[in-house]
Amino acid sequence: FLFVVMMLDINFDKLREGFFKYLWLAAIVGIVMLGE
């Protein structure tokens, strides 16, 4: 995985897009896992 990530030309700006858009869904999944 490290070799693949280092060899690819990743656009970090596109990766950061939509982070806060799906934050609520990630928070719900995390709370459910913590409860389990």
PDB file of all heavy atoms in Angstrom:
ATOM      1  N   PHE A   1       0.826  -1.204   0.000  1.00  0.00           N
ATOM      2  CA  PHE A   1       0.000   0.000   0.000  1.00  0.00           C
ATOM      3  C   PHE A   1       0.863   1.259   0.000  1.00  0.00           C
ATOM      4  O   PHE A   1       0.572   2.231  -0.710  1.00  0.00           O
ATOM      5  CB  PHE A   1      -0.921  -0.016   1.224  1.00  0.00           C
ATOM      6  CG  PHE A   1      -1.862   1.151   1.288  1.00  0.00           C
ATOM      7  CD1 PHE A   1      -2.981   1.203   0.479  1.00  0.00           C
ATOM      8  CD2 PHE A   1      -1.630   2.206   2.152  1.00  0.00           C
ATOM      9  CE1 PHE A   1      -3.846   2.276   0.526  1.00  0.00           C
ATOM     10  CE2 PHE A   1      -2.481   3.291   2.207  1.00  0.00           C
ATOM     11  CZ  PHE A   1      -3.604   3.324   1.393  1.00  0.00           C
ATOM     12  N   LEU A   2       1.935   1.257   0.764  1.00  0.00           N
ATOM     13  CA  LEU A   2       2.834   2.413   0.791  1.00  0.00           C
ATOM     14  C   LEU A   2       3.490   2.629  -0.568  1.00  0.00           C
ATOM     15  O   LEU A   2       3.621   3.769  -1.032  1.00  0.00           O
ATOM     16  CB  LEU A   2       3.897   2.216   1.871  1.00  0.00           C
ATOM     17  CG  LEU A   2       3.481   2.558   3.310  1.00  0.00           C
ATOM     18  CD1 LEU A   2       4.592   2.191   4.276  1.00  0.00           C
ATOM     19  CD2 LEU A   2       3.157   4.032   3.434  1.00  0.00           C
ATOM     20  N   PHE A   3       3.927   1.561  -1.212  1.00  0.00           N
ATOM     21  CA  PHE A   3       4.535   1.695  -2.536  1.00  0.00           C
ATOM     22  C   PHE A   3       3.536   2.274  -3.532  1.00  0.00           C
ATOM     23  O   PHE A   3       3.882   3.144  -4.345  1.00  0.00           O
ATOM     24  CB  PHE A   3       5.046   0.340  -3.025  1.00  0.00           C
ATOM     25  CG  PHE A   3       6.451   0.043  -2.602  1.00  0.00           C
ATOM     26  CD1 PHE A   3       6.711  -0.849  -1.579  1.00  0.00           C
ATOM     27  CD2 PHE A   3       7.527   0.663  -3.222  1.00  0.00           C
ATOM     28  CE1 PHE A   3       8.009  -1.120  -1.182  1.00  0.00           C
ATOM     29  CE2 PHE A   3       8.822   0.394  -2.836  1.00  0.00           C
ATOM     30  CZ  PHE A   3       9.070  -0.495  -1.809  1.00  0.00           C
ATOM     31  N   VAL A   4       2.284   1.810  -3.492  1.00  0.00           N
ATOM     32  CA  VAL A   4       1.273   2.308  -4.419  1.00  0.00           C
ATOM     33  C   VAL A   4       0.983   3.778  -4.160  1.00  0.00           C
ATOM     34  O   VAL A   4       0.878   4.589  -5.096  1.00  0.00           O
ATOM     35  CB  VAL A   4      -0.009   1.460  -4.298  1.00  0.00           C
ATOM     36  CG1 VAL A   4      -1.138   2.085  -5.106  1.00  0.00           C
ATOM     37  CG2 VAL A   4       0.241   0.039  -4.769  1.00  0.00           C
ATOM     38  N   VAL A   5       0.847   4.165  -2.894  1.00  0.00           N
ATOM     39  CA  VAL A   5       0.552   5.561  -2.559  1.00  0.00           C
ATOM     40  C   VAL A   5       1.703   6.468  -2.970  1.00  0.00           C
ATOM     41  O   VAL A   5       1.500   7.571  -3.494  1.00  0.00           O
ATOM     42  CB  VAL A   5       0.251   5.687  -1.056  1.00  0.00           C
ATOM     43  CG1 VAL A   5       0.178   7.151  -0.644  1.00  0.00           C
ATOM     44  CG2 VAL A   5      -1.056   4.995  -0.727  1.00  0.00           C
ATOM     45  N   MET A   6       2.946   6.026  -2.746  1.00  0.00           N
ATOM     46  CA  MET A   6       4.092   6.861  -3.085  1.00  0.00           C
ATOM     47  C   MET A   6       4.292   6.977  -4.598  1.00  0.00           C
ATOM     48  O   MET A   6       4.788   8.000  -5.087  1.00  0.00           O
ATOM     49  CB  MET A   6       5.357   6.285  -2.440  1.00  0.00           C
ATOM     50  CG  MET A   6       5.392   6.407  -0.932  1.00  0.00           C
ATOM     51  SD  MET A   6       6.899   5.696  -0.234  1.00  0.00           S
ATOM     52  CE  MET A   6       6.623   5.975   1.513  1.00  0.00           C
ATOM     53  N   MET A   7       3.938   5.955  -5.353  1.00  0.00           N
ATOM     54  CA  MET A   7       4.148   5.989  -6.794  1.00  0.00           C
ATOM     55  C   MET A   7       3.057   6.749  -7.528  1.00  0.00           C
ATOM     56  O   MET A   7       3.285   7.235  -8.638  1.00  0.00           O
ATOM     57  CB  MET A   7       4.242   4.561  -7.345  1.00  0.00           C
ATOM     58  CG  MET A   7       5.471   3.793  -6.891  1.00  0.00           C
ATOM     59  SD  MET A   7       5.478   2.089  -7.461  1.00  0.00           S
ATOM     60  CE  MET A   7       5.554   2.315  -9.233  1.00  0.00           C
ATOM     61  N   LEU A   8       1.859   6.854  -6.935  1.00  0.00           N
ATOM     62  CA  LEU A   8       0.761   7.552  -7.597  1.00  0.00           C
ATOM     63  C   LEU A   8       0.872   9.050  -7.359  1.00  0.00           C
ATOM     64  O   LEU A   8       1.331   9.505  -6.316  1.00  0.00           O
ATOM     65  CB  LEU A   8      -0.587   7.047  -7.067  1.00  0.00           C
ATOM     66  CG  LEU A   8      -0.949   5.596  -7.399  1.00  0.00           C
ATOM     67  CD1 LEU A   8      -2.279   5.238  -6.785  1.00  0.00           C
ATOM     68  CD2 LEU A   8      -1.001   5.384  -8.904  1.00  0.00           C
ATOM     69  N   ASP A   9       0.430   9.806  -8.334  1.00  0.00           N
ATOM     70  CA  ASP A   9       0.389  11.267  -8.219  1.00  0.00           C
ATOM     71  C   ASP A   9      -0.979  11.653  -7.658  1.00  0.00           C
ATOM     72  O   ASP A   9      -1.943  11.875  -8.402  1.00  0.00           O
ATOM     73  CB  ASP A   9       0.630  11.907  -9.585  1.00  0.00           C
ATOM     74  CG  ASP A   9       0.788  13.412  -9.470  1.00  0.00           C
ATOM     75  OD1 ASP A   9       0.922  13.901  -8.325  1.00  0.00           O
ATOM     76  OD2 ASP A   9       0.777  14.085 -10.514  1.00  0.00           O
ATOM     77  N   ILE A  10      -1.069  11.728  -6.341  1.00  0.00           N
ATOM     78  CA  ILE A  10      -2.344  11.956  -5.673  1.00  0.00           C
ATOM     79  C   ILE A  10      -2.562  13.459  -5.491  1.00  0.00           C
ATOM     80  O   ILE A  10      -1.667  14.177  -5.040  1.00  0.00           O
ATOM     81  CB  ILE A  10      -2.391  11.238  -4.314  1.00  0.00           C
ATOM     82  CG1 ILE A  10      -2.209   9.731  -4.517  1.00  0.00           C
ATOM     83  CG2 ILE A  10      -3.705  11.516  -3.603  1.00  0.00           C
ATOM     84  CD1 ILE A  10      -2.144   8.957  -3.233  1.00  0.00           C
ATOM     85  N   ASN A  11      -3.736  13.913  -5.837  1.00  0.00           N
ATOM     86  CA  ASN A  11      -4.122  15.307  -5.627  1.00  0.00           C
ATOM     87  C   ASN A  11      -4.761  15.415  -4.243  1.00  0.00           C
ATOM     88  O   ASN A  11      -5.893  14.982  -4.021  1.00  0.00           O
ATOM     89  CB  ASN A  11      -5.104  15.759  -6.716  1.00  0.00           C
ATOM     90  CG  ASN A  11      -5.327  17.248  -6.698  1.00  0.00           C
ATOM     91  OD1 ASN A  11      -4.900  17.947  -5.765  1.00  0.00           O
ATOM     92  ND2 ASN A  11      -5.985  17.755  -7.718  1.00  0.00           N
ATOM     93  N   PHE A  12      -4.026  15.986  -3.302  1.00  0.00           N
ATOM     94  CA  PHE A  12      -4.510  16.053  -1.926  1.00  0.00           C
ATOM     95  C   PHE A  12      -5.683  17.024  -1.776  1.00  0.00           C
ATOM     96  O   PHE A  12      -6.484  16.881  -0.858  1.00  0.00           O
ATOM     97  CB  PHE A  12      -3.370  16.463  -0.994  1.00  0.00           C
ATOM     98  CG  PHE A  12      -2.248  15.465  -0.960  1.00  0.00           C
ATOM     99  CD1 PHE A  12      -1.063  15.707  -1.631  1.00  0.00           C
ATOM    100  CD2 PHE A  12      -2.379  14.279  -0.275  1.00  0.00           C
ATOM    101  CE1 PHE A  12      -0.035  14.790  -1.604  1.00  0.00           C
ATOM    102  CE2 PHE A  12      -1.357  13.349  -0.242  1.00  0.00           C
ATOM    103  CZ  PHE A  12      -0.176  13.609  -0.907  1.00  0.00           C
ATOM    104  N   ASP A  13      -5.787  18.007  -2.653  1.00  0.00           N
ATOM    105  CA  ASP A  13      -6.905  18.940  -2.569  1.00  0.00           C
ATOM    106  C   ASP A  13      -8.234  18.243  -2.847  1.00  0.00           C
ATOM    107  O   ASP A  13      -9.251  18.506  -2.192  1.00  0.00           O
ATOM    108  CB  ASP A  13      -6.703  20.085  -3.558  1.00  0.00           C
ATOM    109  CG  ASP A  13      -5.486  20.934  -3.195  1.00  0.00           C
ATOM    110  OD1 ASP A  13      -5.150  20.999  -1.988  1.00  0.00           O
ATOM    111  OD2 ASP A  13      -4.871  21.513  -4.108  1.00  0.00           O
ATOM    112  N   LYS A  14      -8.233  17.334  -3.830  1.00  0.00           N
ATOM    113  CA  LYS A  14      -9.457  16.591  -4.121  1.00  0.00           C
ATOM    114  C   LYS A  14      -9.802  15.611  -3.003  1.00  0.00           C
ATOM    115  O   LYS A  14     -10.975  15.317  -2.762  1.00  0.00           O
ATOM    116  CB  LYS A  14      -9.312  15.839  -5.444  1.00  0.00           C
ATOM    117  CG  LYS A  14      -9.262  16.758  -6.659  1.00  0.00           C
ATOM    118  CD  LYS A  14      -9.227  15.942  -7.946  1.00  0.00           C
ATOM    119  CE  LYS A  14      -9.232  16.859  -9.162  1.00  0.00           C
ATOM    120  NZ  LYS A  14      -9.208  16.096 -10.441  1.00  0.00           N
ATOM    121  N   LEU A  15      -8.773  15.096  -2.327  1.00  0.00           N
ATOM    122  CA  LEU A  15      -9.047  14.187  -1.223  1.00  0.00           C
ATOM    123  C   LEU A  15      -9.707  14.901  -0.054  1.00  0.00           C
ATOM    124  O   LEU A  15     -10.516  14.311   0.667  1.00  0.00           O
ATOM    125  CB  LEU A  15      -7.741  13.525  -0.755  1.00  0.00           C
ATOM    126  CG  LEU A  15      -7.109  12.503  -1.694  1.00  0.00           C
ATOM    127  CD1 LEU A  15      -5.804  11.996  -1.110  1.00  0.00           C
ATOM    128  CD2 LEU A  15      -8.053  11.337  -1.947  1.00  0.00           C
ATOM    129  N   ARG A  16      -9.356  16.155   0.138  1.00  0.00           N
ATOM    130  CA  ARG A  16      -9.936  16.908   1.256  1.00  0.00           C
ATOM    131  C   ARG A  16     -11.347  17.388   0.966  1.00  0.00           C
ATOM    132  O   ARG A  16     -12.077  17.764   1.892  1.00  0.00           O
ATOM    133  CB  ARG A  16      -9.038  18.111   1.583  1.00  0.00           C
ATOM    134  CG  ARG A  16      -7.627  17.733   2.016  1.00  0.00           C
ATOM    135  CD  ARG A  16      -6.878  18.949   2.522  1.00  0.00           C
ATOM    136  NE  ARG A  16      -5.485  18.622   2.815  1.00  0.00           N
ATOM    137  CZ  ARG A  16      -4.470  18.879   2.003  1.00  0.00           C
ATOM    138  NH1 ARG A  16      -4.700  19.488   0.848  1.00  0.00           N
ATOM    139  NH2 ARG A  16      -3.244  18.553   2.335  1.00  0.00           N
ATOM    140  N   GLU A  17     -11.733  17.387  -0.313  1.00  0.00           N
ATOM    141  CA  GLU A  17     -13.078  17.825  -0.646  1.00  0.00           C
ATOM    142  C   GLU A  17     -14.121  16.818  -0.155  1.00  0.00           C
ATOM    143  O   GLU A  17     -13.970  15.623  -0.304  1.00  0.00           O
ATOM    144  CB  GLU A  17     -13.214  18.000  -2.166  1.00  0.00           C
ATOM    145  CG  GLU A  17     -12.362  19.121  -2.727  1.00  0.00           C
ATOM    146  CD  GLU A  17     -12.502  19.241  -4.228  1.00  0.00           C
ATOM    147  OE1 GLU A  17     -13.241  18.405  -4.803  1.00  0.00           O
ATOM    148  OE2 GLU A  17     -11.885  20.147  -4.821  1.00  0.00           O
ATOM    149  N   GLY A  18     -15.179  17.329   0.414  1.00  0.00           N
ATOM    150  CA  GLY A  18     -16.245  16.476   0.907  1.00  0.00           C
ATOM    151  C   GLY A  18     -15.979  15.831   2.244  1.00  0.00           C
ATOM    152  O   GLY A  18     -16.723  14.935   2.646  1.00  0.00           O
ATOM    153  N   PHE A  19     -14.901  16.257   2.951  1.00  0.00           N
ATOM    154  CA  PHE A  19     -14.607  15.649   4.252  1.00  0.00           C
ATOM    155  C   PHE A  19     -15.689  16.006   5.267  1.00  0.00           C
ATOM    156  O   PHE A  19     -16.224  15.125   5.962  1.00  0.00           O
ATOM    157  CB  PHE A  19     -13.236  16.124   4.734  1.00  0.00           C
ATOM    158  CG  PHE A  19     -12.855  15.597   6.094  1.00  0.00           C
ATOM    159  CD1 PHE A  19     -12.383  14.311   6.247  1.00  0.00           C
ATOM    160  CD2 PHE A  19     -12.990  16.395   7.216  1.00  0.00           C
ATOM    161  CE1 PHE A  19     -12.046  13.811   7.495  1.00  0.00           C
ATOM    162  CE2 PHE A  19     -12.658  15.911   8.470  1.00  0.00           C
ATOM    163  CZ  PHE A  19     -12.179  14.618   8.604  1.00  0.00           C
ATOM    164  N   PHE A  20     -16.036  17.276   5.369  1.00  0.00           N
ATOM    165  CA  PHE A  20     -17.052  17.699   6.330  1.00  0.00           C
ATOM    166  C   PHE A  20     -18.461  17.355   5.858  1.00  0.00           C
ATOM    167  O   PHE A  20     -19.390  17.335   6.659  1.00  0.00           O
ATOM    168  CB  PHE A  20     -16.938  19.208   6.575  1.00  0.00           C
ATOM    169  CG  PHE A  20     -15.662  19.600   7.258  1.00  0.00           C
ATOM    170  CD1 PHE A  20     -14.600  20.106   6.527  1.00  0.00           C
ATOM    171  CD2 PHE A  20     -15.508  19.451   8.628  1.00  0.00           C
ATOM    172  CE1 PHE A  20     -13.415  20.465   7.145  1.00  0.00           C
ATOM    173  CE2 PHE A  20     -14.336  19.809   9.258  1.00  0.00           C
ATOM    174  CZ  PHE A  20     -13.279  20.321   8.518  1.00  0.00           C
ATOM    175  N   LYS A  21     -18.593  17.073   4.550  1.00  0.00           N
ATOM    176  CA  LYS A  21     -19.911  16.717   4.036  1.00  0.00           C
ATOM    177  C   LYS A  21     -20.384  15.383   4.592  1.00  0.00           C
ATOM    178  O   LYS A  21     -21.579  15.193   4.871  1.00  0.00           O
ATOM    179  CB  LYS A  21     -19.855  16.681   2.504  1.00  0.00           C
ATOM    180  CG  LYS A  21     -21.171  16.353   1.838  1.00  0.00           C
ATOM    181  CD  LYS A  21     -21.023  16.355   0.328  1.00  0.00           C
ATOM    182  CE  LYS A  21     -22.331  15.992  -0.358  1.00  0.00           C
ATOM    183  NZ  LYS A  21     -22.179  15.964  -1.843  1.00  0.00           N
ATOM    184  N   TYR A  22     -19.462  14.440   4.735  1.00  0.00           N
ATOM    185  CA  TYR A  22     -19.805  13.109   5.240  1.00  0.00           C
ATOM    186  C   TYR A  22     -19.345  12.904   6.682  1.00  0.00           C
ATOM    187  O   TYR A  22     -19.275  11.762   7.148  1.00  0.00           O
ATOM    188  CB  TYR A  22     -19.176  12.032   4.354  1.00  0.00           C
ATOM    189  CG  TYR A  22     -19.613  12.108   2.919  1.00  0.00           C
ATOM    190  CD1 TYR A  22     -18.814  12.705   1.949  1.00  0.00           C
ATOM    191  CD2 TYR A  22     -20.843  11.589   2.516  1.00  0.00           C
ATOM    192  CE1 TYR A  22     -19.209  12.783   0.618  1.00  0.00           C
ATOM    193  CE2 TYR A  22     -21.252  11.656   1.186  1.00  0.00           C
ATOM    194  CZ  TYR A  22     -20.437  12.253   0.250  1.00  0.00           C
ATOM    195  OH  TYR A  22     -20.839  12.326  -1.055  1.00  0.00           O
ATOM    196  N   LEU A  23     -19.033  13.987   7.374  1.00  0.00           N
ATOM    197  CA  LEU A  23     -18.574  13.858   8.755  1.00  0.00           C
ATOM    198  C   LEU A  23     -19.670  13.343   9.666  1.00  0.00           C
ATOM    199  O   LEU A  23     -19.418  12.554  10.580  1.00  0.00           O
ATOM    200  CB  LEU A  23     -18.049  15.210   9.249  1.00  0.00           C
ATOM    201  CG  LEU A  23     -17.454  15.228  10.658  1.00  0.00           C
ATOM    202  CD1 LEU A  23     -16.274  14.275  10.747  1.00  0.00           C
ATOM    203  CD2 LEU A  23     -17.030  16.642  11.045  1.00  0.00           C
ATOM    204  N   TRP A  24     -20.897  13.771   9.428  1.00  0.00           N
ATOM    205  CA  TRP A  24     -22.001  13.320  10.286  1.00  0.00           C
ATOM    206  C   TRP A  24     -22.241  11.816  10.163  1.00  0.00           C
ATOM    207  O   TRP A  24     -22.517  11.139  11.160  1.00  0.00           O
ATOM    208  CB  TRP A  24     -23.271  14.078   9.925  1.00  0.00           C
ATOM    209  CG  TRP A  24     -23.733  13.832   8.518  1.00  0.00           C
ATOM    210  CD1 TRP A  24     -23.353  14.491   7.394  1.00  0.00           C
ATOM    211  CD2 TRP A  24     -24.650  12.824   8.089  1.00  0.00           C
ATOM    212  NE1 TRP A  24     -23.971  13.981   6.279  1.00  0.00           N
ATOM    213  CE2 TRP A  24     -24.789  12.961   6.666  1.00  0.00           C
ATOM    214  CE3 TRP A  24     -25.383  11.846   8.749  1.00  0.00           C
ATOM    215  CZ2 TRP A  24     -25.611  12.133   5.921  1.00  0.00           C
ATOM    216  CZ3 TRP A  24     -26.207  11.018   8.009  1.00  0.00           C
ATOM    217  CH2 TRP A  24     -26.312  11.159   6.608  1.00  0.00           C
ATOM    218  N   LEU A  25     -22.107  11.298   8.942  1.00  0.00           N
ATOM    219  CA  LEU A  25     -22.282   9.856   8.745  1.00  0.00           C
ATOM    220  C   LEU A  25     -21.160   9.080   9.431  1.00  0.00           C
ATOM    221  O   LEU A  25     -21.411   8.038  10.067  1.00  0.00           O
ATOM    222  CB  LEU A  25     -22.313   9.539   7.252  1.00  0.00           C
ATOM    223  CG  LEU A  25     -22.484   8.071   6.856  1.00  0.00           C
ATOM    224  CD1 LEU A  25     -23.796   7.521   7.412  1.00  0.00           C
ATOM    225  CD2 LEU A  25     -22.424   7.908   5.346  1.00  0.00           C
ATOM    226  N   ALA A  26     -19.928   9.575   9.306  1.00  0.00           N
ATOM    227  CA  ALA A  26     -18.811   8.915   9.988  1.00  0.00           C
ATOM    228  C   ALA A  26     -18.983   8.964  11.502  1.00  0.00           C
ATOM    229  O   ALA A  26     -18.648   7.995  12.212  1.00  0.00           O
ATOM    230  CB  ALA A  26     -17.499   9.576   9.579  1.00  0.00           C
ATOM    231  N   ALA A  27     -19.510  10.071  12.021  1.00  0.00           N
ATOM    232  CA  ALA A  27     -19.729  10.184  13.466  1.00  0.00           C
ATOM    233  C   ALA A  27     -20.774   9.174  13.945  1.00  0.00           C
ATOM    234  O   ALA A  27     -20.620   8.545  15.005  1.00  0.00           O
ATOM    235  CB  ALA A  27     -20.154  11.601  13.816  1.00  0.00           C
ATOM    236  N   ILE A  28     -21.837   8.997  13.167  1.00  0.00           N
ATOM    237  CA  ILE A  28     -22.870   8.017  13.554  1.00  0.00           C
ATOM    238  C   ILE A  28     -22.299   6.602  13.556  1.00  0.00           C
ATOM    239  O   ILE A  28     -22.536   5.819  14.493  1.00  0.00           O
ATOM    240  CB  ILE A  28     -24.072   8.128  12.585  1.00  0.00           C
ATOM    241  CG1 ILE A  28     -24.772   9.476  12.768  1.00  0.00           C
ATOM    242  CG2 ILE A  28     -25.046   6.981  12.830  1.00  0.00           C
ATOM    243  CD1 ILE A  28     -25.898   9.697  11.779  1.00  0.00           C
ATOM    244  N   VAL A  29     -21.546   6.261  12.509  1.00  0.00           N
ATOM    245  CA  VAL A  29     -20.943   4.923  12.452  1.00  0.00           C
ATOM    246  C   VAL A  29     -19.968   4.717  13.612  1.00  0.00           C
ATOM    247  O   VAL A  29     -19.935   3.646  14.242  1.00  0.00           O
ATOM    248  CB  VAL A  29     -20.241   4.724  11.095  1.00  0.00           C
ATOM    249  CG1 VAL A  29     -19.493   3.400  11.065  1.00  0.00           C
ATOM    250  CG2 VAL A  29     -21.260   4.764   9.958  1.00  0.00           C
ATOM    251  N   GLY A  30     -19.170   5.734  13.920  1.00  0.00           N
ATOM    252  CA  GLY A  30     -18.232   5.620  15.036  1.00  0.00           C
ATOM    253  C   GLY A  30     -18.932   5.449  16.369  1.00  0.00           C
ATOM    254  O   GLY A  30     -18.499   4.657  17.223  1.00  0.00           O
ATOM    255  N   ILE A  31     -20.046   6.169  16.580  1.00  0.00           N
ATOM    256  CA  ILE A  31     -20.788   6.040  17.843  1.00  0.00           C
ATOM    257  C   ILE A  31     -21.408   4.654  17.961  1.00  0.00           C
ATOM    258  O   ILE A  31     -21.406   4.039  19.040  1.00  0.00           O
ATOM    259  CB  ILE A  31     -21.865   7.139  17.925  1.00  0.00           C
ATOM    260  CG1 ILE A  31     -21.204   8.516  18.075  1.00  0.00           C
ATOM    261  CG2 ILE A  31     -22.800   6.888  19.095  1.00  0.00           C
ATOM    262  CD1 ILE A  31     -22.185   9.670  17.996  1.00  0.00           C
ATOM    263  N   VAL A  32     -21.916   4.131  16.854  1.00  0.00           N
ATOM    264  CA  VAL A  32     -22.488   2.776  16.883  1.00  0.00           C
ATOM    265  C   VAL A  32     -21.412   1.739  17.202  1.00  0.00           C
ATOM    266  O   VAL A  32     -21.621   0.823  18.029  1.00  0.00           O
ATOM    267  CB  VAL A  32     -23.167   2.464  15.534  1.00  0.00           C
ATOM    268  CG1 VAL A  32     -23.580   0.995  15.462  1.00  0.00           C
ATOM    269  CG2 VAL A  32     -24.379   3.356  15.336  1.00  0.00           C
ATOM    270  N   MET A  33     -20.235   1.868  16.590  1.00  0.00           N
ATOM    271  CA  MET A  33     -19.151   0.926  16.870  1.00  0.00           C
ATOM    272  C   MET A  33     -18.687   1.049  18.325  1.00  0.00           C
ATOM    273  O   MET A  33     -18.409   0.029  18.985  1.00  0.00           O
ATOM    274  CB  MET A  33     -17.987   1.186  15.914  1.00  0.00           C
ATOM    275  CG  MET A  33     -18.284   0.871  14.466  1.00  0.00           C
ATOM    276  SD  MET A  33     -16.928   1.299  13.346  1.00  0.00           S
ATOM    277  CE  MET A  33     -15.628   0.243  13.991  1.00  0.00           C
ATOM    278  N   LEU A  34     -18.608   2.279  18.829  1.00  0.00           N
ATOM    279  CA  LEU A  34     -18.220   2.459  20.231  1.00  0.00           C
ATOM    280  C   LEU A  34     -19.241   1.842  21.167  1.00  0.00           C
ATOM    281  O   LEU A  34     -18.879   1.204  22.172  1.00  0.00           O
ATOM    282  CB  LEU A  34     -18.059   3.959  20.518  1.00  0.00           C
ATOM    283  CG  LEU A  34     -17.635   4.326  21.948  1.00  0.00           C
ATOM    284  CD1 LEU A  34     -16.269   3.725  22.271  1.00  0.00           C
ATOM    285  CD2 LEU A  34     -17.598   5.843  22.115  1.00  0.00           C
ATOM    286  N   GLY A  35     -20.527   1.994  20.843  1.00  0.00           N
ATOM    287  CA  GLY A  35     -21.557   1.378  21.671  1.00  0.00           C
ATOM    288  C   GLY A  35     -21.475  -0.142  21.662  1.00  0.00           C
ATOM    289  O   GLY A  35     -21.677  -0.793  22.700  1.00  0.00           O
ATOM    290  N   GLU A  36     -21.162  -0.718  20.504  1.00  0.00           N
ATOM    291  CA  GLU A  36     -21.024  -2.184  20.431  1.00  0.00           C
ATOM    292  C   GLU A  36     -19.846  -2.666  21.275  1.00  0.00           C
ATOM    293  O   GLU A  36     -19.951  -3.687  21.979  1.00  0.00           O
ATOM    294  CB  GLU A  36     -20.851  -2.607  18.976  1.00  0.00           C
ATOM    295  CG  GLU A  36     -22.092  -2.406  18.125  1.00  0.00           C
ATOM    296  CD  GLU A  36     -21.855  -2.755  16.683  1.00  0.00           C
ATOM    297  OE1 GLU A  36     -20.675  -3.019  16.331  1.00  0.00           O
ATOM    298  OE2 GLU A  36     -22.832  -2.777  15.896  1.00  0.00           O
TER     299      GLU A  36
END
